[in-house]
């Protein structure tokens, strides 16, 4: 991402409404494609508790974090053999007791 992880944290912190995290704990991952033009799309979510067991987050929490990720528009396309290509990217939000404590990777 243009500006790296710090910029992702900045965007997230500006947009985050903690009341929409509903005291959730676990890992909420958004996997998506960034095309050769740096545009993101085809989002897939994966959800797990802090022990990596499958769980379902509150839909409002999922939608809120999805909207934050969707607003990120400075993706840098992957380059293979000197050519820009479509590639999968992911962001994982680690929540504990309704607080965002980490963004992975």
PDB file of N, CA and C in Angstrom:
ATOM      1  N   UNK A   1       0.842  -1.173   0.000  1.00  0.00           N
ATOM      2  CA  UNK A   1       0.000   0.000   0.000  1.00  0.00           C
ATOM      3  C   UNK A   1       0.887   1.236   0.000  1.00  0.00           C
ATOM      4  N   UNK A   2       0.510   2.246  -0.774  1.00  0.00           N
ATOM      5  CA  UNK A   2       1.262   3.500  -0.808  1.00  0.00           C
ATOM      6  C   UNK A   2       1.272   4.095   0.599  1.00  0.00           C
ATOM      7  N   UNK A   3       2.457   4.245   1.175  1.00  0.00           N
ATOM      8  CA  UNK A   3       2.551   4.760   2.540  1.00  0.00           C
ATOM      9  C   UNK A   3       2.685   3.651   3.572  1.00  0.00           C
ATOM     10  N   UNK A   4       2.539   2.403   3.137  1.00  0.00           N
ATOM     11  CA  UNK A   4       2.769   1.251   3.999  1.00  0.00           C
ATOM     12  C   UNK A   4       1.740   1.076   5.108  1.00  0.00           C
ATOM     13  N   UNK A   5       2.144   0.274   6.075  1.00  0.00           N
ATOM     14  CA  UNK A   5       1.251  -0.084   7.172  1.00  0.00           C
ATOM     15  C   UNK A   5       0.839   1.133   8.003  1.00  0.00           C
ATOM     16  N   UNK A   6       1.743   2.088   8.130  1.00  0.00           N
ATOM     17  CA  UNK A   6       1.405   3.295   8.894  1.00  0.00           C
ATOM     18  C   UNK A   6       0.207   3.999   8.263  1.00  0.00           C
ATOM     19  N   UNK A   7       0.182   4.106   6.950  1.00  0.00           N
ATOM     20  CA  UNK A   7      -0.932   4.766   6.255  1.00  0.00           C
ATOM     21  C   UNK A   7      -2.220   3.959   6.441  1.00  0.00           C
ATOM     22  N   UNK A   8      -2.128   2.630   6.400  1.00  0.00           N
ATOM     23  CA  UNK A   8      -3.307   1.784   6.624  1.00  0.00           C
ATOM     24  C   UNK A   8      -3.849   2.025   8.027  1.00  0.00           C
ATOM     25  N   UNK A   9      -2.972   2.102   9.026  1.00  0.00           N
ATOM     26  CA  UNK A   9      -3.402   2.405  10.406  1.00  0.00           C
ATOM     27  C   UNK A   9      -4.045   3.786  10.477  1.00  0.00           C
ATOM     28  N   UNK A  10      -3.436   4.769   9.811  1.00  0.00           N
ATOM     29  CA  UNK A  10      -3.982   6.134   9.839  1.00  0.00           C
ATOM     30  C   UNK A  10      -5.395   6.169   9.275  1.00  0.00           C
ATOM     31  N   UNK A  11      -5.587   5.543   8.129  1.00  0.00           N
ATOM     32  CA  UNK A  11      -6.914   5.511   7.499  1.00  0.00           C
ATOM     33  C   UNK A  11      -7.910   4.808   8.421  1.00  0.00           C
ATOM     34  N   UNK A  12      -7.507   3.677   8.956  1.00  0.00           N
ATOM     35  CA  UNK A  12      -8.387   2.902   9.828  1.00  0.00           C
ATOM     36  C   UNK A  12      -8.769   3.709  11.068  1.00  0.00           C
ATOM     37  N   UNK A  13      -7.787   4.310  11.716  1.00  0.00           N
ATOM     38  CA  UNK A  13      -8.061   5.079  12.935  1.00  0.00           C
ATOM     39  C   UNK A  13      -8.971   6.274  12.674  1.00  0.00           C
ATOM     40  N   UNK A  14      -8.844   6.909  11.514  1.00  0.00           N
ATOM     41  CA  UNK A  14      -9.718   8.044  11.178  1.00  0.00           C
ATOM     42  C   UNK A  14     -11.162   7.601  10.978  1.00  0.00           C
ATOM     43  N   UNK A  15     -11.367   6.430  10.417  1.00  0.00           N
ATOM     44  CA  UNK A  15     -12.703   5.965  10.058  1.00  0.00           C
ATOM     45  C   UNK A  15     -13.364   5.088  11.124  1.00  0.00           C
ATOM     46  N   UNK A  16     -12.571   4.528  12.020  1.00  0.00           N
ATOM     47  CA  UNK A  16     -13.070   3.528  12.971  1.00  0.00           C
ATOM     48  C   UNK A  16     -14.061   4.110  13.976  1.00  0.00           C
ATOM     49  N   UNK A  17     -15.178   3.421  14.113  1.00  0.00           N
ATOM     50  CA  UNK A  17     -16.172   3.733  15.137  1.00  0.00           C
ATOM     51  C   UNK A  17     -16.224   2.528  16.079  1.00  0.00           C
ATOM     52  N   UNK A  18     -15.549   2.642  17.217  1.00  0.00           N
ATOM     53  CA  UNK A  18     -15.393   1.493  18.113  1.00  0.00           C
ATOM     54  C   UNK A  18     -16.714   0.891  18.567  1.00  0.00           C
ATOM     55  N   UNK A  19     -17.764   1.686  18.664  1.00  0.00           N
ATOM     56  CA  UNK A  19     -19.044   1.125  19.106  1.00  0.00           C
ATOM     57  C   UNK A  19     -19.552   0.084  18.103  1.00  0.00           C
ATOM     58  N   UNK A  20     -19.084   0.121  16.871  1.00  0.00           N
ATOM     59  CA  UNK A  20     -19.500  -0.858  15.868  1.00  0.00           C
ATOM     60  C   UNK A  20     -18.688  -2.145  15.944  1.00  0.00           C
ATOM     61  N   UNK A  21     -17.746  -2.217  16.887  1.00  0.00           N
ATOM     62  CA  UNK A  21     -16.965  -3.444  17.081  1.00  0.00           C
ATOM     63  C   UNK A  21     -17.625  -4.383  18.094  1.00  0.00           C
ATOM     64  N   UNK A  22     -18.654  -3.905  18.787  1.00  0.00           N
ATOM     65  CA  UNK A  22     -19.523  -4.720  19.651  1.00  0.00           C
ATOM     66  C   UNK A  22     -18.791  -5.698  20.565  1.00  0.00           C
ATOM     67  N   UNK A  23     -17.713  -5.256  21.178  1.00  0.00           N
ATOM     68  CA  UNK A  23     -16.988  -6.091  22.134  1.00  0.00           C
ATOM     69  C   UNK A  23     -16.485  -7.396  21.522  1.00  0.00           C
ATOM     70  N   UNK A  24     -16.297  -7.408  20.201  1.00  0.00           N
ATOM     71  CA  UNK A  24     -15.834  -8.603  19.497  1.00  0.00           C
ATOM     72  C   UNK A  24     -14.367  -8.883  19.785  1.00  0.00           C
ATOM     73  N   UNK A  25     -14.014 -10.166  19.723  1.00  0.00           N
ATOM     74  CA  UNK A  25     -12.621 -10.609  19.802  1.00  0.00           C
ATOM     75  C   UNK A  25     -12.401 -11.629  18.699  1.00  0.00           C
ATOM     76  N   UNK A  26     -11.248 -11.546  18.053  1.00  0.00           N
ATOM     77  CA  UNK A  26     -10.910 -12.512  17.023  1.00  0.00           C
ATOM     78  C   UNK A  26     -10.203 -11.860  15.853  1.00  0.00           C
ATOM     79  N   UNK A  27     -10.112 -12.619  14.760  1.00  0.00           N
ATOM     80  CA  UNK A  27      -9.435 -12.184  13.545  1.00  0.00           C
ATOM     81  C   UNK A  27     -10.459 -12.061  12.424  1.00  0.00           C
ATOM     82  N   UNK A  28     -10.530 -10.893  11.826  1.00  0.00           N
ATOM     83  CA  UNK A  28     -11.421 -10.658  10.692  1.00  0.00           C
ATOM     84  C   UNK A  28     -10.538 -10.308   9.499  1.00  0.00           C
ATOM     85  N   UNK A  29     -10.503 -11.212   8.522  1.00  0.00           N
ATOM     86  CA  UNK A  29      -9.627 -11.066   7.368  1.00  0.00           C
ATOM     87  C   UNK A  29     -10.430 -10.726   6.121  1.00  0.00           C
ATOM     88  N   UNK A  30      -9.926  -9.760   5.383  1.00  0.00           N
ATOM     89  CA  UNK A  30     -10.478  -9.409   4.074  1.00  0.00           C
ATOM     90  C   UNK A  30      -9.425  -9.778   3.038  1.00  0.00           C
ATOM     91  N   UNK A  31      -9.790 -10.714   2.162  1.00  0.00           N
ATOM     92  CA  UNK A  31      -8.916 -11.112   1.062  1.00  0.00           C
ATOM     93  C   UNK A  31      -9.525 -10.530  -0.199  1.00  0.00           C
ATOM     94  N   UNK A  32      -8.683  -9.949  -1.055  1.00  0.00           N
ATOM     95  CA  UNK A  32      -9.200  -9.264  -2.229  1.00  0.00           C
ATOM     96  C   UNK A  32      -8.137  -9.209  -3.311  1.00  0.00           C
ATOM     97  N   UNK A  33      -8.580  -8.867  -4.500  1.00  0.00           N
ATOM     98  CA  UNK A  33      -7.668  -8.720  -5.633  1.00  0.00           C
ATOM     99  C   UNK A  33      -7.337  -7.248  -5.809  1.00  0.00           C
ATOM    100  N   UNK A  34      -6.063  -6.974  -6.053  1.00  0.00           N
ATOM    101  CA  UNK A  34      -5.635  -5.666  -6.523  1.00  0.00           C
ATOM    102  C   UNK A  34      -5.187  -5.890  -7.959  1.00  0.00           C
ATOM    103  N   UNK A  35      -5.885  -5.233  -8.896  1.00  0.00           N
ATOM    104  CA  UNK A  35      -5.565  -5.466 -10.303  1.00  0.00           C
ATOM    105  C   UNK A  35      -4.332  -4.669 -10.732  1.00  0.00           C
ATOM    106  N   UNK A  36      -3.963  -4.825 -11.996  1.00  0.00           N
ATOM    107  CA  UNK A  36      -2.753  -4.188 -12.511  1.00  0.00           C
ATOM    108  C   UNK A  36      -2.839  -2.665 -12.517  1.00  0.00           C
ATOM    109  N   UNK A  37      -4.019  -2.118 -12.307  1.00  0.00           N
ATOM    110  CA  UNK A  37      -4.199  -0.664 -12.226  1.00  0.00           C
ATOM    111  C   UNK A  37      -4.265  -0.164 -10.780  1.00  0.00           C
ATOM    112  N   UNK A  38      -4.092  -1.072  -9.807  1.00  0.00           N
ATOM    113  CA  UNK A  38      -4.126  -0.682  -8.404  1.00  0.00           C
ATOM    114  C   UNK A  38      -5.518  -0.581  -7.817  1.00  0.00           C
ATOM    115  N   UNK A  39      -6.521  -1.123  -8.524  1.00  0.00           N
ATOM    116  CA  UNK A  39      -7.904  -1.092  -8.030  1.00  0.00           C
ATOM    117  C   UNK A  39      -8.211  -2.395  -7.310  1.00  0.00           C
ATOM    118  N   UNK A  40      -8.919  -2.296  -6.181  1.00  0.00           N
ATOM    119  CA  UNK A  40      -9.241  -3.496  -5.400  1.00  0.00           C
ATOM    120  C   UNK A  40     -10.674  -3.943  -5.672  1.00  0.00           C
ATOM    121  N   UNK A  41     -10.924  -5.236  -5.452  1.00  0.00           N
ATOM    122  CA  UNK A  41     -12.260  -5.784  -5.647  1.00  0.00           C
ATOM    123  C   UNK A  41     -12.302  -7.259  -5.303  1.00  0.00           C
ATOM    124  N   UNK A  42     -13.470  -7.864  -5.495  1.00  0.00           N
ATOM    125  CA  UNK A  42     -13.708  -9.295  -5.225  1.00  0.00           C
ATOM    126  C   UNK A  42     -13.296  -9.664  -3.797  1.00  0.00           C
ATOM    127  N   UNK A  43     -13.895  -9.002  -2.842  1.00  0.00           N
ATOM    128  CA  UNK A  43     -13.575  -9.194  -1.425  1.00  0.00           C
ATOM    129  C   UNK A  43     -14.186 -10.484  -0.888  1.00  0.00           C
ATOM    130  N   UNK A  44     -13.411 -11.179  -0.078  1.00  0.00           N
ATOM    131  CA  UNK A  44     -13.856 -12.379   0.622  1.00  0.00           C
ATOM    132  C   UNK A  44     -13.467 -12.193   2.088  1.00  0.00           C
ATOM    133  N   UNK A  45     -14.371 -12.553   3.004  1.00  0.00           N
ATOM    134  CA  UNK A  45     -14.048 -12.439   4.424  1.00  0.00           C
ATOM    135  C   UNK A  45     -13.813 -13.820   5.024  1.00  0.00           C
ATOM    136  N   UNK A  46     -12.909 -13.858   5.974  1.00  0.00           N
ATOM    137  CA  UNK A  46     -12.651 -15.040   6.782  1.00  0.00           C
ATOM    138  C   UNK A  46     -12.695 -14.582   8.233  1.00  0.00           C
ATOM    139  N   UNK A  47     -13.335 -15.375   9.098  1.00  0.00           N
ATOM    140  CA  UNK A  47     -13.555 -14.970  10.480  1.00  0.00           C
ATOM    141  C   UNK A  47     -13.141 -16.088  11.424  1.00  0.00           C
ATOM    142  N   UNK A  48     -12.405 -15.714  12.471  1.00  0.00           N
ATOM    143  CA  UNK A  48     -11.964 -16.707  13.455  1.00  0.00           C
ATOM    144  C   UNK A  48     -11.864 -16.043  14.826  1.00  0.00           C
ATOM    145  N   UNK A  49     -11.992 -16.868  15.870  1.00  0.00           N
ATOM    146  CA  UNK A  49     -11.793 -16.341  17.220  1.00  0.00           C
ATOM    147  C   UNK A  49     -10.290 -16.255  17.497  1.00  0.00           C
ATOM    148  N   UNK A  50      -9.917 -15.863  18.701  1.00  0.00           N
ATOM    149  CA  UNK A  50      -8.500 -15.694  19.033  1.00  0.00           C
ATOM    150  C   UNK A  50      -7.745 -17.019  19.097  1.00  0.00           C
ATOM    151  N   UNK A  51      -8.458 -18.140  19.103  1.00  0.00           N
ATOM    152  CA  UNK A  51      -7.839 -19.466  19.050  1.00  0.00           C
ATOM    153  C   UNK A  51      -7.879 -20.034  17.637  1.00  0.00           C
ATOM    154  N   UNK A  52      -8.182 -19.184  16.675  1.00  0.00           N
ATOM    155  CA  UNK A  52      -8.249 -19.534  15.248  1.00  0.00           C
ATOM    156  C   UNK A  52      -9.349 -20.538  14.920  1.00  0.00           C
ATOM    157  N   UNK A  53     -10.382 -20.577  15.763  1.00  0.00           N
ATOM    158  CA  UNK A  53     -11.551 -21.406  15.483  1.00  0.00           C
ATOM    159  C   UNK A  53     -12.567 -20.551  14.744  1.00  0.00           C
ATOM    160  N   UNK A  54     -13.246 -21.166  13.801  1.00  0.00           N
ATOM    161  CA  UNK A  54     -14.236 -20.444  13.000  1.00  0.00           C
ATOM    162  C   UNK A  54     -15.296 -19.790  13.894  1.00  0.00           C
ATOM    163  N   UNK A  55     -15.666 -18.559  13.566  1.00  0.00           N
ATOM    164  CA  UNK A  55     -16.706 -17.849  14.299  1.00  0.00           C
ATOM    165  C   UNK A  55     -17.386 -16.877  13.352  1.00  0.00           C
ATOM    166  N   UNK A  56     -18.504 -16.356  13.774  1.00  0.00           N
ATOM    167  CA  UNK A  56     -19.220 -15.338  13.008  1.00  0.00           C
ATOM    168  C   UNK A  56     -19.198 -14.038  13.800  1.00  0.00           C
ATOM    169  N   UNK A  57     -18.643 -12.993  13.202  1.00  0.00           N
ATOM    170  CA  UNK A  57     -18.670 -11.668  13.803  1.00  0.00           C
ATOM    171  C   UNK A  57     -20.040 -11.040  13.593  1.00  0.00           C
ATOM    172  N   UNK A  58     -20.359 -10.081  14.421  1.00  0.00           N
ATOM    173  CA  UNK A  58     -21.562  -9.276  14.229  1.00  0.00           C
ATOM    174  C   UNK A  58     -21.490  -8.673  12.821  1.00  0.00           C
ATOM    175  N   UNK A  59     -22.571  -8.747  12.067  1.00  0.00           N
ATOM    176  CA  UNK A  59     -22.574  -8.277  10.677  1.00  0.00           C
ATOM    177  C   UNK A  59     -22.243  -6.789  10.582  1.00  0.00           C
ATOM    178  N   UNK A  60     -22.629  -6.017  11.587  1.00  0.00           N
ATOM    179  CA  UNK A  60     -22.308  -4.586  11.577  1.00  0.00           C
ATOM    180  C   UNK A  60     -20.808  -4.361  11.713  1.00  0.00           C
ATOM    181  N   UNK A  61     -20.142  -5.201  12.495  1.00  0.00           N
ATOM    182  CA  UNK A  61     -18.682  -5.122  12.628  1.00  0.00           C
ATOM    183  C   UNK A  61     -18.029  -5.433  11.291  1.00  0.00           C
ATOM    184  N   UNK A  62     -18.466  -6.504  10.651  1.00  0.00           N
ATOM    185  CA  UNK A  62     -17.912  -6.903   9.349  1.00  0.00           C
ATOM    186  C   UNK A  62     -18.123  -5.788   8.333  1.00  0.00           C
ATOM    187  N   UNK A  63     -19.332  -5.272   8.246  1.00  0.00           N
ATOM    188  CA  UNK A  63     -19.636  -4.224   7.271  1.00  0.00           C
ATOM    189  C   UNK A  63     -18.839  -2.952   7.527  1.00  0.00           C
ATOM    190  N   UNK A  64     -18.676  -2.598   8.791  1.00  0.00           N
ATOM    191  CA  UNK A  64     -17.936  -1.380   9.125  1.00  0.00           C
ATOM    192  C   UNK A  64     -16.474  -1.501   8.690  1.00  0.00           C
ATOM    193  N   UNK A  65     -15.825  -2.610   9.031  1.00  0.00           N
ATOM    194  CA  UNK A  65     -14.426  -2.776   8.656  1.00  0.00           C
ATOM    195  C   UNK A  65     -14.276  -2.943   7.143  1.00  0.00           C
ATOM    196  N   UNK A  66     -15.248  -3.586   6.508  1.00  0.00           N
ATOM    197  CA  UNK A  66     -15.231  -3.709   5.047  1.00  0.00           C
ATOM    198  C   UNK A  66     -15.256  -2.324   4.394  1.00  0.00           C
ATOM    199  N   UNK A  67     -16.096  -1.438   4.883  1.00  0.00           N
ATOM    200  CA  UNK A  67     -16.172  -0.093   4.309  1.00  0.00           C
ATOM    201  C   UNK A  67     -14.855   0.657   4.467  1.00  0.00           C
ATOM    202  N   UNK A  68     -14.185   0.447   5.583  1.00  0.00           N
ATOM    203  CA  UNK A  68     -12.879   1.078   5.786  1.00  0.00           C
ATOM    204  C   UNK A  68     -11.874   0.549   4.762  1.00  0.00           C
ATOM    205  N   UNK A  69     -11.824  -0.768   4.589  1.00  0.00           N
ATOM    206  CA  UNK A  69     -10.897  -1.363   3.620  1.00  0.00           C
ATOM    207  C   UNK A  69     -11.236  -0.889   2.210  1.00  0.00           C
ATOM    208  N   UNK A  70     -12.506  -0.835   1.895  1.00  0.00           N
ATOM    209  CA  UNK A  70     -12.946  -0.437   0.553  1.00  0.00           C
ATOM    210  C   UNK A  70     -12.541   1.008   0.231  1.00  0.00           C
ATOM    211  N   UNK A  71     -12.447   1.864   1.255  1.00  0.00           N
ATOM    212  CA  UNK A  71     -12.041   3.253   1.056  1.00  0.00           C
ATOM    213  C   UNK A  71     -10.553   3.399   0.728  1.00  0.00           C
ATOM    214  N   UNK A  72      -9.775   2.380   1.026  1.00  0.00           N
ATOM    215  CA  UNK A  72      -8.337   2.436   0.748  1.00  0.00           C
ATOM    216  C   UNK A  72      -8.146   2.327  -0.764  1.00  0.00           C
ATOM    217  N   UNK A  73      -7.593   3.382  -1.345  1.00  0.00           N
ATOM    218  CA  UNK A  73      -7.530   3.421  -2.811  1.00  0.00           C
ATOM    219  C   UNK A  73      -6.138   3.704  -3.373  1.00  0.00           C
ATOM    220  N   UNK A  74      -5.114   3.435  -2.581  1.00  0.00           N
ATOM    221  CA  UNK A  74      -3.752   3.678  -3.055  1.00  0.00           C
ATOM    222  C   UNK A  74      -2.934   2.391  -3.083  1.00  0.00           C
ATOM    223  N   UNK A  75      -3.547   1.323  -3.571  1.00  0.00           N
ATOM    224  CA  UNK A  75      -2.858   0.039  -3.653  1.00  0.00           C
ATOM    225  C   UNK A  75      -1.817   0.066  -4.770  1.00  0.00           C
ATOM    226  N   UNK A  76      -0.711  -0.562  -4.523  1.00  0.00           N
ATOM    227  CA  UNK A  76       0.362  -0.674  -5.510  1.00  0.00           C
ATOM    228  C   UNK A  76       0.261  -2.069  -6.126  1.00  0.00           C
ATOM    229  N   UNK A  77       0.095  -2.154  -7.443  1.00  0.00           N
ATOM    230  CA  UNK A  77      -0.028  -3.471  -8.080  1.00  0.00           C
ATOM    231  C   UNK A  77       1.236  -4.316  -7.876  1.00  0.00           C
ATOM    232  N   UNK A  78       1.054  -5.631  -7.856  1.00  0.00           N
ATOM    233  CA  UNK A  78       2.186  -6.547  -7.794  1.00  0.00           C
ATOM    234  C   UNK A  78       2.923  -6.495  -9.129  1.00  0.00           C
ATOM    235  N   UNK A  79       4.215  -6.768  -9.083  1.00  0.00           N
ATOM    236  CA  UNK A  79       5.030  -6.774 -10.300  1.00  0.00           C
ATOM    237  C   UNK A  79       5.714  -8.136 -10.413  1.00  0.00           C
ATOM    238  N   UNK A  80       5.514  -8.775 -11.547  1.00  0.00           N
ATOM    239  CA  UNK A  80       6.156 -10.058 -11.847  1.00  0.00           C
ATOM    240  C   UNK A  80       6.894  -9.906 -13.170  1.00  0.00           C
ATOM    241  N   UNK A  81       8.193 -10.208 -13.145  1.00  0.00           N
ATOM    242  CA  UNK A  81       9.030 -10.078 -14.344  1.00  0.00           C
ATOM    243  C   UNK A  81       8.909  -8.688 -14.980  1.00  0.00           C
ATOM    244  N   UNK A  82       8.860  -7.663 -14.127  1.00  0.00           N
ATOM    245  CA  UNK A  82       8.809  -6.296 -14.599  1.00  0.00           C
ATOM    246  C   UNK A  82       7.456  -5.833 -15.110  1.00  0.00           C
ATOM    247  N   UNK A  83       6.426  -6.661 -14.954  1.00  0.00           N
ATOM    248  CA  UNK A  83       5.102  -6.321 -15.466  1.00  0.00           C
ATOM    249  C   UNK A  83       4.096  -6.273 -14.318  1.00  0.00           C
ATOM    250  N   UNK A  84       3.218  -5.246 -14.316  1.00  0.00           N
ATOM    251  CA  UNK A  84       2.166  -5.159 -13.310  1.00  0.00           C
ATOM    252  C   UNK A  84       1.132  -6.242 -13.577  1.00  0.00           C
ATOM    253  N   UNK A  85       0.738  -6.944 -12.500  1.00  0.00           N
ATOM    254  CA  UNK A  85      -0.218  -8.047 -12.624  1.00  0.00           C
ATOM    255  C   UNK A  85      -1.276  -7.958 -11.531  1.00  0.00           C
ATOM    256  N   UNK A  86      -2.393  -8.641 -11.751  1.00  0.00           N
ATOM    257  CA  UNK A  86      -3.408  -8.794 -10.716  1.00  0.00           C
ATOM    258  C   UNK A  86      -2.864  -9.744  -9.654  1.00  0.00           C
ATOM    259  N   UNK A  87      -3.175  -9.475  -8.390  1.00  0.00           N
ATOM    260  CA  UNK A  87      -2.707 -10.350  -7.309  1.00  0.00           C
ATOM    261  C   UNK A  87      -3.658 -10.254  -6.125  1.00  0.00           C
ATOM    262  N   UNK A  88      -3.676 -11.334  -5.321  1.00  0.00           N
ATOM    263  CA  UNK A  88      -4.448 -11.318  -4.084  1.00  0.00           C
ATOM    264  C   UNK A  88      -3.669 -10.594  -3.000  1.00  0.00           C
ATOM    265  N   UNK A  89      -4.387  -9.819  -2.229  1.00  0.00           N
ATOM    266  CA  UNK A  89      -3.855  -9.156  -1.040  1.00  0.00           C
ATOM    267  C   UNK A  89      -4.792  -9.500   0.110  1.00  0.00           C
ATOM    268  N   UNK A  90      -4.339  -9.261   1.329  1.00  0.00           N
ATOM    269  CA  UNK A  90      -5.239  -9.449   2.467  1.00  0.00           C
ATOM    270  C   UNK A  90      -4.869  -8.498   3.592  1.00  0.00           C
ATOM    271  N   UNK A  91      -5.873  -8.169   4.367  1.00  0.00           N
ATOM    272  CA  UNK A  91      -5.706  -7.417   5.607  1.00  0.00           C
ATOM    273  C   UNK A  91      -6.479  -8.158   6.684  1.00  0.00           C
ATOM    274  N   UNK A  92      -5.850  -8.368   7.814  1.00  0.00           N
ATOM    275  CA  UNK A  92      -6.502  -9.012   8.943  1.00  0.00           C
ATOM    276  C   UNK A  92      -6.541  -8.039  10.109  1.00  0.00           C
ATOM    277  N   UNK A  93      -7.731  -7.851  10.639  1.00  0.00           N
ATOM    278  CA  UNK A  93      -7.923  -7.006  11.811  1.00  0.00           C
ATOM    279  C   UNK A  93      -8.029  -7.918  13.024  1.00  0.00           C
ATOM    280  N   UNK A  94      -7.153  -7.704  13.997  1.00  0.00           N
ATOM    281  CA  UNK A  94      -7.203  -8.471  15.244  1.00  0.00           C
ATOM    282  C   UNK A  94      -7.908  -7.607  16.282  1.00  0.00           C
ATOM    283  N   UNK A  95      -9.023  -8.134  16.781  1.00  0.00           N
ATOM    284  CA  UNK A  95      -9.831  -7.426  17.770  1.00  0.00           C
ATOM    285  C   UNK A  95      -9.779  -8.164  19.100  1.00  0.00           C
ATOM    286  N   UNK A  96      -9.794  -7.405  20.172  1.00  0.00           N
ATOM    287  CA  UNK A  96      -9.898  -8.005  21.506  1.00  0.00           C
ATOM    288  C   UNK A  96     -10.791  -7.122  22.348  1.00  0.00           C
ATOM    289  N   UNK A  97     -11.890  -7.708  22.832  1.00  0.00           N
ATOM    290  CA  UNK A  97     -12.841  -7.004  23.694  1.00  0.00           C
ATOM    291  C   UNK A  97     -13.295  -5.675  23.083  1.00  0.00           C
ATOM    292  N   UNK A  98     -13.572  -5.697  21.773  1.00  0.00           N
ATOM    293  CA  UNK A  98     -14.090  -4.514  21.096  1.00  0.00           C
ATOM    294  C   UNK A  98     -13.067  -3.458  20.757  1.00  0.00           C
ATOM    295  N   UNK A  99     -11.791  -3.798  20.850  1.00  0.00           N
ATOM    296  CA  UNK A  99     -10.710  -2.862  20.514  1.00  0.00           C
ATOM    297  C   UNK A  99      -9.882  -3.456  19.377  1.00  0.00           C
ATOM    298  N   UNK A 100      -9.510  -2.610  18.428  1.00  0.00           N
ATOM    299  CA  UNK A 100      -8.608  -3.026  17.369  1.00  0.00           C
ATOM    300  C   UNK A 100      -7.197  -2.992  17.925  1.00  0.00           C
ATOM    301  N   UNK A 101      -6.536  -4.154  17.996  1.00  0.00           N
ATOM    302  CA  UNK A 101      -5.204  -4.189  18.600  1.00  0.00           C
ATOM    303  C   UNK A 101      -4.089  -4.435  17.598  1.00  0.00           C
ATOM    304  N   UNK A 102      -4.437  -4.909  16.390  1.00  0.00           N
ATOM    305  CA  UNK A 102      -3.391  -5.157  15.400  1.00  0.00           C
ATOM    306  C   UNK A 102      -4.016  -5.254  14.016  1.00  0.00           C
ATOM    307  N   UNK A 103      -3.236  -4.832  13.021  1.00  0.00           N
ATOM    308  CA  UNK A 103      -3.602  -5.051  11.621  1.00  0.00           C
ATOM    309  C   UNK A 103      -2.457  -5.850  11.012  1.00  0.00           C
ATOM    310  N   UNK A 104      -2.819  -6.992  10.447  1.00  0.00           N
ATOM    311  CA  UNK A 104      -1.831  -7.893   9.857  1.00  0.00           C
ATOM    312  C   UNK A 104      -1.983  -7.906   8.348  1.00  0.00           C
ATOM    313  N   UNK A 105      -1.031  -8.145   7.520  1.00  0.00           N
ATOM    314  CA  UNK A 105       0.335  -8.503   7.925  1.00  0.00           C
ATOM    315  C   UNK A 105       1.096  -7.301   8.412  1.00  0.00           C
TER     316      UNK A 105
END
